[in-house]
Amino acid sequence: MKQFQQIQQSVLFLCFSVLFISAGFMVWNANVIEGSQETTEQNSHIEAVSVMSPKQVDVILERVYLDGETSQEVVHETIWSTEDFWAFYEEWVLVDQNESEMIFRKNIDDISPLLKMNGYFGITEEGILSIYEGVPTKDRVIQSFFQLDTSKLKSQQHLDLMNGIPVQDLKNYEEVLQVLGQYKSQQM
């Protein structure tokens, strides 16, 4: 019986030892896991900061007008959020990009501001309907349309074209082209 008690005590001691060692291992493992998670969180914070750092780019905005005129505007952008950046330019078409520059294009359903301010319809010596920068002179043609049959023009229309008809807005631009389109020469 004494021997049985000794075996029982040894088994009991062995069980408590295993239990104590297991508990110690679990506490140690929890600390190691917790410490590695803190390191991972710190590293992910560092990664997030480097990803979120602002990016400087030159954005070139090309506007293409109905009269064929193209204007460019250069904007120096700091991109803090790519989502916000793309949302801001959602009505533009990305044409080209590299590390430091992005080119966007937009078709404008209007005539150019230059044409509105300084454009005049006129007629060249050859009878070609053209738009001039300022009142009609030989060297200031900015756009040519078609040959007019000047013999069919009313004298006042011919005189108006010689002096220049101001291009005021899109409606006026289209009306003049429509009216004078009736006098388009059949010769090519």
Protein backbone atom coordinates (compact mmCIF):
# COMPACT_ATOMS: atom_id res chain seq x y z
CA MET A 1 0.00 0.00 0.00
CA LYS A 2 2.90 2.24 0.76
CA GLN A 3 4.24 1.58 -2.66
CA PHE A 4 0.84 2.43 -4.17
CA GLN A 5 0.81 5.77 -2.32
CA GLN A 6 4.30 6.58 -3.59
CA ILE A 7 3.23 5.83 -7.15
CA GLN A 8 0.08 7.89 -6.62
CA GLN A 9 2.14 10.83 -5.30
CA SER A 10 4.60 10.54 -8.21
CA VAL A 11 1.78 10.51 -10.75
CA LEU A 12 0.12 13.43 -8.98
CA PHE A 13 3.42 15.33 -8.92
CA LEU A 14 3.99 14.53 -12.59
CA CYS A 15 0.47 15.79 -13.49
CA PHE A 16 0.94 19.03 -11.55
CA SER A 17 4.35 19.51 -13.16
CA VAL A 18 2.91 19.01 -16.67
CA LEU A 19 0.01 21.31 -15.81
CA PHE A 20 2.35 23.97 -14.43
CA ILE A 21 4.72 23.72 -17.42
CA SER A 22 1.76 23.86 -19.84
CA ALA A 23 0.35 26.95 -18.12
CA GLY A 24 3.77 28.62 -18.25
CA PHE A 25 4.13 27.75 -21.93
CA MET A 26 0.68 29.21 -22.70
CA VAL A 27 1.48 32.46 -20.90
CA TRP A 28 4.82 32.69 -22.71
CA ASN A 29 3.21 31.90 -26.10
CA ALA A 30 0.49 34.52 -25.53
CA ASN A 31 3.14 37.16 -24.80
CA VAL A 32 5.11 36.21 -27.91
CA ILE A 33 1.99 36.32 -30.12
CA GLU A 34 0.86 39.62 -28.60
CA GLY A 35 4.32 41.11 -29.13
CA SER A 36 4.43 40.00 -32.76
CA GLN A 37 0.98 41.49 -33.37
CA GLU A 38 2.16 44.82 -31.97
CA THR A 39 5.17 44.67 -34.30
CA THR A 40 2.89 43.82 -37.25
CA GLU A 41 0.55 46.70 -36.33
CA GLN A 42 3.52 49.06 -36.11
CA ASN A 43 4.82 47.86 -39.49
CA SER A 44 1.40 48.17 -41.12
CA HIS A 45 1.15 51.70 -39.72
CA ILE A 46 4.52 52.51 -41.27
CA GLU A 47 3.40 50.99 -44.59
CA ALA A 48 0.14 52.92 -44.47
CA VAL A 49 2.03 56.15 -43.88
CA SER A 50 4.33 55.53 -46.83
CA VAL A 51 1.40 54.64 -49.11
CA MET A 52 -0.57 57.68 -47.96
CA SER A 53 2.26 60.17 -48.53
CA PRO A 54 1.26 62.86 -51.06
CA LYS A 55 2.34 62.64 -54.70
CA GLN A 56 3.22 65.75 -56.72
CA VAL A 57 2.26 65.70 -60.42
CA ASP A 58 1.71 68.19 -63.21
CA VAL A 59 -1.75 67.79 -64.69
CA ILE A 60 -2.18 69.08 -68.24
CA LEU A 61 -5.78 69.79 -69.14
CA GLU A 62 -6.45 69.89 -72.89
CA ARG A 63 -9.74 71.40 -73.99
CA VAL A 64 -10.76 70.68 -77.59
CA TYR A 65 -13.38 73.10 -78.92
CA LEU A 66 -15.85 72.65 -81.79
CA ASP A 67 -13.90 75.07 -83.97
CA GLY A 68 -10.82 72.83 -83.72
CA GLU A 69 -8.98 75.09 -81.29
CA THR A 70 -7.17 73.32 -78.43
CA SER A 71 -6.17 75.03 -75.22
CA GLN A 72 -3.90 73.68 -72.51
CA GLU A 73 -3.80 74.46 -68.83
CA VAL A 74 -1.09 73.15 -66.51
CA VAL A 75 -2.12 72.48 -62.91
CA HIS A 76 0.36 71.44 -60.21
CA GLU A 77 -1.49 68.86 -58.14
CA THR A 78 -0.72 67.24 -54.81
CA ILE A 79 -2.49 63.90 -54.72
CA TRP A 80 -3.47 63.07 -51.15
CA SER A 81 -6.05 60.47 -52.11
CA THR A 82 -6.13 58.70 -55.45
CA GLU A 83 -9.88 58.15 -55.06
CA ASP A 84 -10.50 61.88 -54.65
CA PHE A 85 -8.12 62.71 -57.49
CA TRP A 86 -9.87 60.42 -59.99
CA ALA A 87 -13.29 61.61 -58.82
CA PHE A 88 -12.23 65.22 -59.46
CA TYR A 89 -11.19 64.43 -63.06
CA GLU A 90 -13.96 61.92 -63.83
CA GLU A 91 -15.32 64.03 -66.72
CA TRP A 92 -11.89 64.08 -68.39
CA VAL A 93 -10.23 61.38 -70.51
CA LEU A 94 -6.72 60.32 -69.52
CA VAL A 95 -4.59 60.58 -72.67
CA ASP A 96 -1.08 59.96 -71.34
CA GLN A 97 0.83 59.75 -68.07
CA ASN A 98 4.24 59.17 -66.58
CA GLU A 99 5.78 59.53 -63.12
CA SER A 100 5.48 63.32 -62.95
CA GLU A 101 2.81 64.26 -65.49
CA MET A 102 -0.75 63.34 -66.47
CA ILE A 103 -2.51 64.61 -69.60
CA PHE A 104 -6.30 64.77 -69.65
CA ARG A 105 -8.50 65.77 -72.59
CA LYS A 106 -12.06 67.03 -72.69
CA ASN A 107 -14.21 67.86 -75.72
CA ILE A 108 -16.02 71.15 -75.13
CA ASP A 109 -19.39 71.60 -76.82
CA ASP A 110 -18.69 75.25 -77.61
CA ILE A 111 -16.37 77.42 -79.66
CA SER A 112 -13.10 78.58 -78.16
CA PRO A 113 -12.85 81.73 -76.04
CA LEU A 114 -10.28 83.08 -78.57
CA LEU A 115 -12.81 82.76 -81.38
CA LYS A 116 -15.52 84.44 -79.30
CA MET A 117 -13.26 87.39 -78.51
CA ASN A 118 -11.29 87.89 -81.74
CA GLY A 119 -12.90 85.72 -84.41
CA TYR A 120 -14.39 87.22 -87.59
CA PHE A 121 -15.95 85.43 -90.55
CA GLY A 122 -14.54 86.70 -93.79
CA ILE A 123 -13.77 85.70 -97.33
CA THR A 124 -10.34 85.24 -98.92
CA GLU A 125 -9.43 86.67 -102.33
CA GLU A 126 -10.08 83.16 -103.71
CA GLY A 127 -13.62 83.19 -102.29
CA ILE A 128 -13.03 80.75 -99.42
CA LEU A 129 -15.13 81.30 -96.30
CA SER A 130 -12.67 81.65 -93.42
CA ILE A 131 -12.37 82.82 -89.85
CA TYR A 132 -9.77 85.44 -89.10
CA GLU A 133 -8.11 86.53 -85.91
CA GLY A 134 -9.39 90.08 -85.86
CA VAL A 135 -10.86 91.83 -88.89
CA PRO A 136 -10.09 90.00 -92.16
CA THR A 137 -6.55 90.39 -93.49
CA LYS A 138 -4.51 88.02 -95.66
CA ASP A 139 -2.15 86.71 -93.00
CA ARG A 140 -4.54 86.19 -90.09
CA VAL A 141 -6.68 83.22 -91.26
CA ILE A 142 -7.16 80.76 -88.41
CA GLN A 143 -9.71 78.44 -90.01
CA SER A 144 -10.99 77.87 -93.55
CA PHE A 145 -14.29 76.21 -94.46
CA PHE A 146 -15.35 76.01 -98.10
CA GLN A 147 -15.35 77.81 -101.43
CA LEU A 148 -18.26 80.22 -101.84
CA ASP A 149 -20.00 80.94 -105.11
CA THR A 150 -19.63 84.70 -104.68
CA SER A 151 -21.85 85.41 -107.69
CA LYS A 152 -24.82 84.07 -105.68
CA LEU A 153 -24.08 86.18 -102.56
CA LYS A 154 -26.21 89.25 -101.96
CA SER A 155 -24.17 92.43 -102.17
CA GLN A 156 -24.66 93.16 -98.45
CA GLN A 157 -23.49 89.62 -97.52
CA HIS A 158 -20.39 90.05 -99.67
CA LEU A 159 -19.68 93.45 -98.10
CA ASP A 160 -20.22 92.03 -94.58
CA LEU A 161 -17.75 89.23 -95.30
CA MET A 162 -15.18 91.68 -96.68
CA ASN A 163 -15.45 93.79 -93.49
CA GLY A 164 -15.74 90.77 -91.19
CA ILE A 165 -18.71 89.29 -89.32
CA PRO A 166 -17.88 88.93 -85.61
CA VAL A 167 -18.16 85.44 -84.14
CA GLN A 168 -20.05 86.16 -80.94
CA ASP A 169 -21.06 82.74 -79.68
CA LEU A 170 -21.80 79.17 -80.77
CA LYS A 171 -25.30 80.01 -81.98
CA ASN A 172 -24.01 82.85 -84.20
CA TYR A 173 -21.15 80.64 -85.46
CA GLU A 174 -23.56 77.86 -86.51
CA GLU A 175 -26.07 80.31 -88.05
CA VAL A 176 -23.44 81.98 -90.25
CA LEU A 177 -22.14 78.60 -91.43
CA GLN A 178 -25.67 77.41 -92.17
CA VAL A 179 -26.67 80.55 -94.09
CA LEU A 180 -23.44 80.73 -96.08
CA GLY A 181 -23.49 76.97 -96.65
CA GLN A 182 -26.28 77.65 -99.14
CA TYR A 183 -23.75 79.51 -101.29
CA LYS A 184 -21.17 76.73 -101.28
CA SER A 185 -19.52 76.41 -104.67
CA GLN A 186 -20.25 73.21 -106.57
CA GLN A 187 -16.75 73.31 -108.12
CA MET A 188 -14.03 71.28 -106.46
